């Protein structure tokens, strides 16, 4: 891999990190609110919200036009899964 390719990948990773951080700051409280209304346990709420962001990082949606909607859907599905597991 050439130096130019490495720099391009590094710039892309930094861009993704900045986007993820901005989304985290913008949506953290609301994602926690959604999860809290579903499961009612503070520690579990944070785990569910963090898991939604981990899924965004590891497997982002193909259509990035509505990332916030995707995040809320993932958080809702995680909450439903947590309720089923009980």
PDB file of N, CA and C in Angstrom:
ATOM      1  N   UNK A   1       0.860  -1.180   0.000  1.00  0.00           N
ATOM      2  CA  UNK A   1       0.000   0.000   0.000  1.00  0.00           C
ATOM      3  C   UNK A   1       0.900   1.234   0.000  1.00  0.00           C
ATOM      4  N   UNK A   2       0.589   2.151  -0.885  1.00  0.00           N
ATOM      5  CA  UNK A   2       1.405   3.353  -0.996  1.00  0.00           C
ATOM      6  C   UNK A   2       1.072   4.344   0.117  1.00  0.00           C
ATOM      7  N   UNK A   3       1.944   5.296   0.288  1.00  0.00           N
ATOM      8  CA  UNK A   3       1.747   6.338   1.292  1.00  0.00           C
ATOM      9  C   UNK A   3       0.485   7.142   0.999  1.00  0.00           C
ATOM     10  N   UNK A   4       0.203   7.398  -0.273  1.00  0.00           N
ATOM     11  CA  UNK A   4      -0.999   8.152  -0.663  1.00  0.00           C
ATOM     12  C   UNK A   4      -2.251   7.364  -0.274  1.00  0.00           C
ATOM     13  N   UNK A   5      -2.246   6.060  -0.509  1.00  0.00           N
ATOM     14  CA  UNK A   5      -3.386   5.232  -0.134  1.00  0.00           C
ATOM     15  C   UNK A   5      -3.578   5.226   1.379  1.00  0.00           C
ATOM     16  N   UNK A   6      -2.491   5.130   2.118  1.00  0.00           N
ATOM     17  CA  UNK A   6      -2.582   5.148   3.587  1.00  0.00           C
ATOM     18  C   UNK A   6      -3.147   6.471   4.082  1.00  0.00           C
ATOM     19  N   UNK A   7      -2.665   7.567   3.516  1.00  0.00           N
ATOM     20  CA  UNK A   7      -3.168   8.883   3.920  1.00  0.00           C
ATOM     21  C   UNK A   7      -4.652   9.019   3.586  1.00  0.00           C
ATOM     22  N   UNK A   8      -5.050   8.503   2.431  1.00  0.00           N
ATOM     23  CA  UNK A   8      -6.465   8.542   2.042  1.00  0.00           C
ATOM     24  C   UNK A   8      -7.322   7.757   3.014  1.00  0.00           C
ATOM     25  N   UNK A   9      -6.854   6.581   3.416  1.00  0.00           N
ATOM     26  CA  UNK A   9      -7.605   5.772   4.378  1.00  0.00           C
ATOM     27  C   UNK A   9      -7.633   6.449   5.738  1.00  0.00           C
ATOM     28  N   UNK A  10      -6.527   7.063   6.141  1.00  0.00           N
ATOM     29  CA  UNK A  10      -6.481   7.762   7.426  1.00  0.00           C
ATOM     30  C   UNK A  10      -7.441   8.948   7.428  1.00  0.00           C
ATOM     31  N   UNK A  11      -7.487   9.687   6.330  1.00  0.00           N
ATOM     32  CA  UNK A  11      -8.398  10.833   6.235  1.00  0.00           C
ATOM     33  C   UNK A  11      -9.843  10.359   6.273  1.00  0.00           C
ATOM     34  N   UNK A  12     -10.136   9.240   5.599  1.00  0.00           N
ATOM     35  CA  UNK A  12     -11.492   8.684   5.613  1.00  0.00           C
ATOM     36  C   UNK A  12     -11.869   8.237   7.018  1.00  0.00           C
ATOM     37  N   UNK A  13     -10.952   7.589   7.729  1.00  0.00           N
ATOM     38  CA  UNK A  13     -11.220   7.140   9.098  1.00  0.00           C
ATOM     39  C   UNK A  13     -11.467   8.333  10.020  1.00  0.00           C
ATOM     40  N   UNK A  14     -10.681   9.393   9.859  1.00  0.00           N
ATOM     41  CA  UNK A  14     -10.880  10.592  10.676  1.00  0.00           C
ATOM     42  C   UNK A  14     -12.236  11.221  10.378  1.00  0.00           C
ATOM     43  N   UNK A  15     -12.619  11.247   9.125  1.00  0.00           N
ATOM     44  CA  UNK A  15     -13.916  11.794   8.736  1.00  0.00           C
ATOM     45  C   UNK A  15     -15.043  10.984   9.355  1.00  0.00           C
ATOM     46  N   UNK A  16     -14.938   9.647   9.298  1.00  0.00           N
ATOM     47  CA  UNK A  16     -15.948   8.779   9.905  1.00  0.00           C
ATOM     48  C   UNK A  16     -16.008   8.966  11.417  1.00  0.00           C
ATOM     49  N   UNK A  17     -14.853   9.113  12.053  1.00  0.00           N
ATOM     50  CA  UNK A  17     -14.817   9.325  13.496  1.00  0.00           C
ATOM     51  C   UNK A  17     -15.497  10.633  13.880  1.00  0.00           C
ATOM     52  N   UNK A  18     -15.234  11.671  13.097  1.00  0.00           N
ATOM     53  CA  UNK A  18     -15.852  12.967  13.373  1.00  0.00           C
ATOM     54  C   UNK A  18     -17.368  12.890  13.197  1.00  0.00           C
ATOM     55  N   UNK A  19     -17.814  12.181  12.152  1.00  0.00           N
ATOM     56  CA  UNK A  19     -19.252  12.017  11.933  1.00  0.00           C
ATOM     57  C   UNK A  19     -19.881  11.230  13.064  1.00  0.00           C
ATOM     58  N   UNK A  20     -19.245  10.142  13.478  1.00  0.00           N
ATOM     59  CA  UNK A  20     -19.768   9.330  14.562  1.00  0.00           C
ATOM     60  C   UNK A  20     -19.844  10.127  15.864  1.00  0.00           C
ATOM     61  N   UNK A  21     -18.819  10.914  16.137  1.00  0.00           N
ATOM     62  CA  UNK A  21     -18.817  11.744  17.343  1.00  0.00           C
ATOM     63  C   UNK A  21     -19.940  12.777  17.304  1.00  0.00           C
ATOM     64  N   UNK A  22     -20.144  13.402  16.168  1.00  0.00           N
ATOM     65  CA  UNK A  22     -21.219  14.390  16.030  1.00  0.00           C
ATOM     66  C   UNK A  22     -22.584  13.736  16.222  1.00  0.00           C
ATOM     67  N   UNK A  23     -22.780  12.561  15.620  1.00  0.00           N
ATOM     68  CA  UNK A  23     -24.041  11.836  15.792  1.00  0.00           C
ATOM     69  C   UNK A  23     -24.242  11.435  17.246  1.00  0.00           C
ATOM     70  N   UNK A  24     -23.175  11.008  17.893  1.00  0.00           N
ATOM     71  CA  UNK A  24     -23.253  10.620  19.298  1.00  0.00           C
ATOM     72  C   UNK A  24     -23.725  11.799  20.153  1.00  0.00           C
ATOM     73  N   UNK A  25     -23.088  12.938  19.973  1.00  0.00           N
ATOM     74  CA  UNK A  25     -23.450  14.123  20.757  1.00  0.00           C
ATOM     75  C   UNK A  25     -24.872  14.576  20.463  1.00  0.00           C
ATOM     76  N   UNK A  26     -25.266  14.465  19.217  1.00  0.00           N
ATOM     77  CA  UNK A  26     -26.594  14.934  18.807  1.00  0.00           C
ATOM     78  C   UNK A  26     -27.709  14.003  19.296  1.00  0.00           C
ATOM     79  N   UNK A  27     -27.473  12.700  19.352  1.00  0.00           N
ATOM     80  CA  UNK A  27     -28.556  11.745  19.583  1.00  0.00           C
ATOM     81  C   UNK A  27     -28.476  10.966  20.897  1.00  0.00           C
ATOM     82  N   UNK A  28     -27.410  11.095  21.640  1.00  0.00           N
ATOM     83  CA  UNK A  28     -27.226  10.290  22.848  1.00  0.00           C
ATOM     84  C   UNK A  28     -28.412  10.389  23.812  1.00  0.00           C
ATOM     85  N   UNK A  29     -28.791  11.590  24.187  1.00  0.00           N
ATOM     86  CA  UNK A  29     -29.857  11.763  25.187  1.00  0.00           C
ATOM     87  C   UNK A  29     -31.191  11.207  24.694  1.00  0.00           C
ATOM     88  N   UNK A  30     -31.517  11.452  23.445  1.00  0.00           N
ATOM     89  CA  UNK A  30     -32.794  10.943  22.920  1.00  0.00           C
ATOM     90  C   UNK A  30     -32.787   9.425  22.796  1.00  0.00           C
ATOM     91  N   UNK A  31     -31.651   8.843  22.400  1.00  0.00           N
ATOM     92  CA  UNK A  31     -31.566   7.384  22.336  1.00  0.00           C
ATOM     93  C   UNK A  31     -31.723   6.775  23.726  1.00  0.00           C
ATOM     94  N   UNK A  32     -31.104   7.407  24.704  1.00  0.00           N
ATOM     95  CA  UNK A  32     -31.260   6.936  26.082  1.00  0.00           C
ATOM     96  C   UNK A  32     -32.716   7.069  26.524  1.00  0.00           C
ATOM     97  N   UNK A  33     -33.374   8.141  26.125  1.00  0.00           N
ATOM     98  CA  UNK A  33     -34.777   8.327  26.473  1.00  0.00           C
ATOM     99  C   UNK A  33     -35.665   7.252  25.871  1.00  0.00           C
ATOM    100  N   UNK A  34     -35.407   6.924  24.614  1.00  0.00           N
ATOM    101  CA  UNK A  34     -36.170   5.857  23.954  1.00  0.00           C
ATOM    102  C   UNK A  34     -35.960   4.537  24.687  1.00  0.00           C
ATOM    103  N   UNK A  35     -34.715   4.223  24.971  1.00  0.00           N
ATOM    104  CA  UNK A  35     -34.399   2.964  25.650  1.00  0.00           C
ATOM    105  C   UNK A  35     -34.969   2.938  27.067  1.00  0.00           C
ATOM    106  N   UNK A  36     -34.921   4.071  27.761  1.00  0.00           N
ATOM    107  CA  UNK A  36     -35.431   4.109  29.132  1.00  0.00           C
ATOM    108  C   UNK A  36     -36.939   3.857  29.163  1.00  0.00           C
ATOM    109  N   UNK A  37     -37.654   4.454  28.233  1.00  0.00           N
ATOM    110  CA  UNK A  37     -39.095   4.233  28.183  1.00  0.00           C
ATOM    111  C   UNK A  37     -39.436   2.773  27.902  1.00  0.00           C
ATOM    112  N   UNK A  38     -38.519   2.067  27.289  1.00  0.00           N
ATOM    113  CA  UNK A  38     -38.773   0.665  26.981  1.00  0.00           C
ATOM    114  C   UNK A  38     -38.385  -0.263  28.129  1.00  0.00           C
ATOM    115  N   UNK A  39     -37.174  -0.075  28.683  1.00  0.00           N
ATOM    116  CA  UNK A  39     -36.663  -1.044  29.654  1.00  0.00           C
ATOM    117  C   UNK A  39     -36.643  -0.528  31.084  1.00  0.00           C
ATOM    118  N   UNK A  40     -36.582   0.786  31.291  1.00  0.00           N
ATOM    119  CA  UNK A  40     -36.681   1.370  32.617  1.00  0.00           C
ATOM    120  C   UNK A  40     -35.497   1.178  33.548  1.00  0.00           C
ATOM    121  N   UNK A  41     -34.393   0.651  33.069  1.00  0.00           N
ATOM    122  CA  UNK A  41     -33.217   0.414  33.906  1.00  0.00           C
ATOM    123  C   UNK A  41     -32.065   1.264  33.383  1.00  0.00           C
ATOM    124  N   UNK A  42     -31.556   2.166  34.235  1.00  0.00           N
ATOM    125  CA  UNK A  42     -30.534   3.125  33.806  1.00  0.00           C
ATOM    126  C   UNK A  42     -29.280   2.501  33.229  1.00  0.00           C
ATOM    127  N   UNK A  43     -28.755   1.470  33.868  1.00  0.00           N
ATOM    128  CA  UNK A  43     -27.530   0.834  33.375  1.00  0.00           C
ATOM    129  C   UNK A  43     -27.782   0.145  32.043  1.00  0.00           C
ATOM    130  N   UNK A  44     -28.905  -0.522  31.922  1.00  0.00           N
ATOM    131  CA  UNK A  44     -29.238  -1.213  30.682  1.00  0.00           C
ATOM    132  C   UNK A  44     -29.490  -0.208  29.552  1.00  0.00           C
ATOM    133  N   UNK A  45     -30.041   0.931  29.897  1.00  0.00           N
ATOM    134  CA  UNK A  45     -30.312   1.985  28.919  1.00  0.00           C
ATOM    135  C   UNK A  45     -29.016   2.417  28.232  1.00  0.00           C
ATOM    136  N   UNK A  46     -27.996   2.693  29.020  1.00  0.00           N
ATOM    137  CA  UNK A  46     -26.726   3.126  28.444  1.00  0.00           C
ATOM    138  C   UNK A  46     -26.111   2.028  27.585  1.00  0.00           C
ATOM    139  N   UNK A  47     -26.224   0.786  28.022  1.00  0.00           N
ATOM    140  CA  UNK A  47     -25.710  -0.330  27.224  1.00  0.00           C
ATOM    141  C   UNK A  47     -26.418  -0.403  25.877  1.00  0.00           C
ATOM    142  N   UNK A  48     -27.727  -0.244  25.877  1.00  0.00           N
ATOM    143  CA  UNK A  48     -28.497  -0.311  24.636  1.00  0.00           C
ATOM    144  C   UNK A  48     -28.141   0.841  23.696  1.00  0.00           C
ATOM    145  N   UNK A  49     -28.026   2.043  24.250  1.00  0.00           N
ATOM    146  CA  UNK A  49     -27.684   3.201  23.420  1.00  0.00           C
ATOM    147  C   UNK A  49     -26.276   3.047  22.836  1.00  0.00           C
ATOM    148  N   UNK A  50     -25.347   2.589  23.654  1.00  0.00           N
ATOM    149  CA  UNK A  50     -23.993   2.375  23.152  1.00  0.00           C
ATOM    150  C   UNK A  50     -23.965   1.296  22.073  1.00  0.00           C
ATOM    151  N   UNK A  51     -24.733   0.244  22.274  1.00  0.00           N
ATOM    152  CA  UNK A  51     -24.786  -0.827  21.285  1.00  0.00           C
ATOM    153  C   UNK A  51     -25.316  -0.314  19.945  1.00  0.00           C
ATOM    154  N   UNK A  52     -26.262   0.604  19.979  1.00  0.00           N
ATOM    155  CA  UNK A  52     -26.767   1.191  18.728  1.00  0.00           C
ATOM    156  C   UNK A  52     -25.642   1.903  17.985  1.00  0.00           C
ATOM    157  N   UNK A  53     -24.797   2.636  18.717  1.00  0.00           N
ATOM    158  CA  UNK A  53     -23.678   3.324  18.073  1.00  0.00           C
ATOM    159  C   UNK A  53     -22.609   2.346  17.610  1.00  0.00           C
ATOM    160  N   UNK A  54     -22.400   1.271  18.344  1.00  0.00           N
ATOM    161  CA  UNK A  54     -21.450   0.242  17.908  1.00  0.00           C
ATOM    162  C   UNK A  54     -21.926  -0.366  16.597  1.00  0.00           C
ATOM    163  N   UNK A  55     -23.215  -0.641  16.502  1.00  0.00           N
ATOM    164  CA  UNK A  55     -23.749  -1.193  15.260  1.00  0.00           C
ATOM    165  C   UNK A  55     -23.611  -0.203  14.102  1.00  0.00           C
ATOM    166  N   UNK A  56     -23.790   1.078  14.393  1.00  0.00           N
ATOM    167  CA  UNK A  56     -23.605   2.100  13.366  1.00  0.00           C
ATOM    168  C   UNK A  56     -22.164   2.094  12.880  1.00  0.00           C
ATOM    169  N   UNK A  57     -21.231   1.969  13.805  1.00  0.00           N
ATOM    170  CA  UNK A  57     -19.809   1.972  13.446  1.00  0.00           C
ATOM    171  C   UNK A  57     -19.430   0.715  12.670  1.00  0.00           C
ATOM    172  N   UNK A  58     -19.892  -0.437  13.135  1.00  0.00           N
ATOM    173  CA  UNK A  58     -19.490  -1.707  12.537  1.00  0.00           C
ATOM    174  C   UNK A  58     -20.235  -2.029  11.241  1.00  0.00           C
ATOM    175  N   UNK A  59     -21.478  -1.629  11.158  1.00  0.00           N
ATOM    176  CA  UNK A  59     -22.295  -1.994  10.000  1.00  0.00           C
ATOM    177  C   UNK A  59     -23.235  -0.842   9.653  1.00  0.00           C
ATOM    178  N   UNK A  60     -22.685   0.246   9.102  1.00  0.00           N
ATOM    179  CA  UNK A  60     -23.531   1.413   8.807  1.00  0.00           C
ATOM    180  C   UNK A  60     -24.577   1.088   7.747  1.00  0.00           C
ATOM    181  N   UNK A  61     -25.684   1.819   7.755  1.00  0.00           N
ATOM    182  CA  UNK A  61     -26.728   1.571   6.756  1.00  0.00           C
ATOM    183  C   UNK A  61     -26.231   1.940   5.357  1.00  0.00           C
ATOM    184  N   UNK A  62     -26.814   1.300   4.374  1.00  0.00           N
ATOM    185  CA  UNK A  62     -26.433   1.592   2.986  1.00  0.00           C
ATOM    186  C   UNK A  62     -26.869   2.998   2.591  1.00  0.00           C
ATOM    187  N   UNK A  63     -28.058   3.391   3.031  1.00  0.00           N
ATOM    188  CA  UNK A  63     -28.590   4.712   2.729  1.00  0.00           C
ATOM    189  C   UNK A  63     -28.334   5.609   3.932  1.00  0.00           C
ATOM    190  N   UNK A  64     -27.420   6.541   3.778  1.00  0.00           N
ATOM    191  CA  UNK A  64     -27.037   7.399   4.898  1.00  0.00           C
ATOM    192  C   UNK A  64     -27.862   8.672   4.980  1.00  0.00           C
ATOM    193  N   UNK A  65     -28.960   8.745   4.237  1.00  0.00           N
ATOM    194  CA  UNK A  65     -29.777   9.956   4.241  1.00  0.00           C
ATOM    195  C   UNK A  65     -30.494  10.156   5.571  1.00  0.00           C
ATOM    196  N   UNK A  66     -30.836   9.084   6.259  1.00  0.00           N
ATOM    197  CA  UNK A  66     -31.591   9.195   7.509  1.00  0.00           C
ATOM    198  C   UNK A  66     -30.909   8.398   8.611  1.00  0.00           C
ATOM    199  N   UNK A  67     -29.696   8.803   8.969  1.00  0.00           N
ATOM    200  CA  UNK A  67     -28.951   8.093  10.009  1.00  0.00           C
ATOM    201  C   UNK A  67     -29.645   8.160  11.359  1.00  0.00           C
ATOM    202  N   UNK A  68     -30.280   9.278  11.656  1.00  0.00           N
ATOM    203  CA  UNK A  68     -30.951   9.396  12.949  1.00  0.00           C
ATOM    204  C   UNK A  68     -32.105   8.397  13.042  1.00  0.00           C
ATOM    205  N   UNK A  69     -32.892   8.272  11.990  1.00  0.00           N
ATOM    206  CA  UNK A  69     -33.983   7.297  11.980  1.00  0.00           C
ATOM    207  C   UNK A  69     -33.462   5.878  12.119  1.00  0.00           C
ATOM    208  N   UNK A  70     -32.346   5.598  11.451  1.00  0.00           N
ATOM    209  CA  UNK A  70     -31.734   4.277  11.547  1.00  0.00           C
ATOM    210  C   UNK A  70     -31.294   4.001  12.977  1.00  0.00           C
ATOM    211  N   UNK A  71     -30.663   4.994  13.618  1.00  0.00           N
ATOM    212  CA  UNK A  71     -30.221   4.829  15.007  1.00  0.00           C
ATOM    213  C   UNK A  71     -31.393   4.546  15.944  1.00  0.00           C
ATOM    214  N   UNK A  72     -32.484   5.273  15.784  1.00  0.00           N
ATOM    215  CA  UNK A  72     -33.639   5.075  16.653  1.00  0.00           C
ATOM    216  C   UNK A  72     -34.290   3.714  16.415  1.00  0.00           C
ATOM    217  N   UNK A  73     -34.296   3.272  15.179  1.00  0.00           N
ATOM    218  CA  UNK A  73     -34.848   1.946  14.889  1.00  0.00           C
ATOM    219  C   UNK A  73     -33.981   0.865  15.537  1.00  0.00           C
ATOM    220  N   UNK A  74     -32.675   1.004  15.437  1.00  0.00           N
ATOM    221  CA  UNK A  74     -31.771   0.030  16.055  1.00  0.00           C
ATOM    222  C   UNK A  74     -31.950   0.036  17.571  1.00  0.00           C
ATOM    223  N   UNK A  75     -32.019   1.215  18.177  1.00  0.00           N
ATOM    224  CA  UNK A  75     -32.213   1.304  19.629  1.00  0.00           C
ATOM    225  C   UNK A  75     -33.543   0.676  20.039  1.00  0.00           C
ATOM    226  N   UNK A  76     -34.579   0.902  19.252  1.00  0.00           N
ATOM    227  CA  UNK A  76     -35.885   0.305  19.543  1.00  0.00           C
ATOM    228  C   UNK A  76     -35.820  -1.212  19.446  1.00  0.00           C
ATOM    229  N   UNK A  77     -35.184  -1.719  18.400  1.00  0.00           N
ATOM    230  CA  UNK A  77     -35.047  -3.167  18.254  1.00  0.00           C
ATOM    231  C   UNK A  77     -34.232  -3.775  19.391  1.00  0.00           C
ATOM    232  N   UNK A  78     -33.176  -3.086  19.800  1.00  0.00           N
ATOM    233  CA  UNK A  78     -32.374  -3.576  20.933  1.00  0.00           C
ATOM    234  C   UNK A  78     -33.202  -3.593  22.211  1.00  0.00           C
ATOM    235  N   UNK A  79     -34.015  -2.556  22.410  1.00  0.00           N
ATOM    236  CA  UNK A  79     -34.889  -2.525  23.582  1.00  0.00           C
ATOM    237  C   UNK A  79     -35.895  -3.660  23.569  1.00  0.00           C
ATOM    238  N   UNK A  80     -36.496  -3.913  22.410  1.00  0.00           N
ATOM    239  CA  UNK A  80     -37.439  -5.023  22.295  1.00  0.00           C
ATOM    240  C   UNK A  80     -36.758  -6.362  22.560  1.00  0.00           C
ATOM    241  N   UNK A  81     -35.559  -6.521  22.052  1.00  0.00           N
ATOM    242  CA  UNK A  81     -34.795  -7.754  22.313  1.00  0.00           C
ATOM    243  C   UNK A  81     -34.495  -7.913  23.802  1.00  0.00           C
ATOM    244  N   UNK A  82     -34.181  -6.816  24.468  1.00  0.00           N
ATOM    245  CA  UNK A  82     -33.909  -6.874  25.914  1.00  0.00           C
ATOM    246  C   UNK A  82     -35.161  -7.278  26.678  1.00  0.00           C
ATOM    247  N   UNK A  83     -36.310  -6.748  26.265  1.00  0.00           N
ATOM    248  CA  UNK A  83     -37.556  -7.122  26.925  1.00  0.00           C
ATOM    249  C   UNK A  83     -37.897  -8.600  26.690  1.00  0.00           C
ATOM    250  N   UNK A  84     -37.659  -9.072  25.482  1.00  0.00           N
ATOM    251  CA  UNK A  84     -37.915 -10.489  25.184  1.00  0.00           C
ATOM    252  C   UNK A  84     -37.010 -11.406  26.000  1.00  0.00           C
ATOM    253  N   UNK A  85     -35.788 -10.964  26.228  1.00  0.00           N
ATOM    254  CA  UNK A  85     -34.815 -11.783  26.964  1.00  0.00           C
ATOM    255  C   UNK A  85     -35.187 -11.924  28.433  1.00  0.00           C
ATOM    256  N   UNK A  86     -35.994 -11.014  28.921  1.00  0.00           N
ATOM    257  CA  UNK A  86     -36.397 -11.085  30.335  1.00  0.00           C
ATOM    258  C   UNK A  86     -37.322 -12.223  30.481  1.00  0.00           C
TER     259      UNK A  86
END
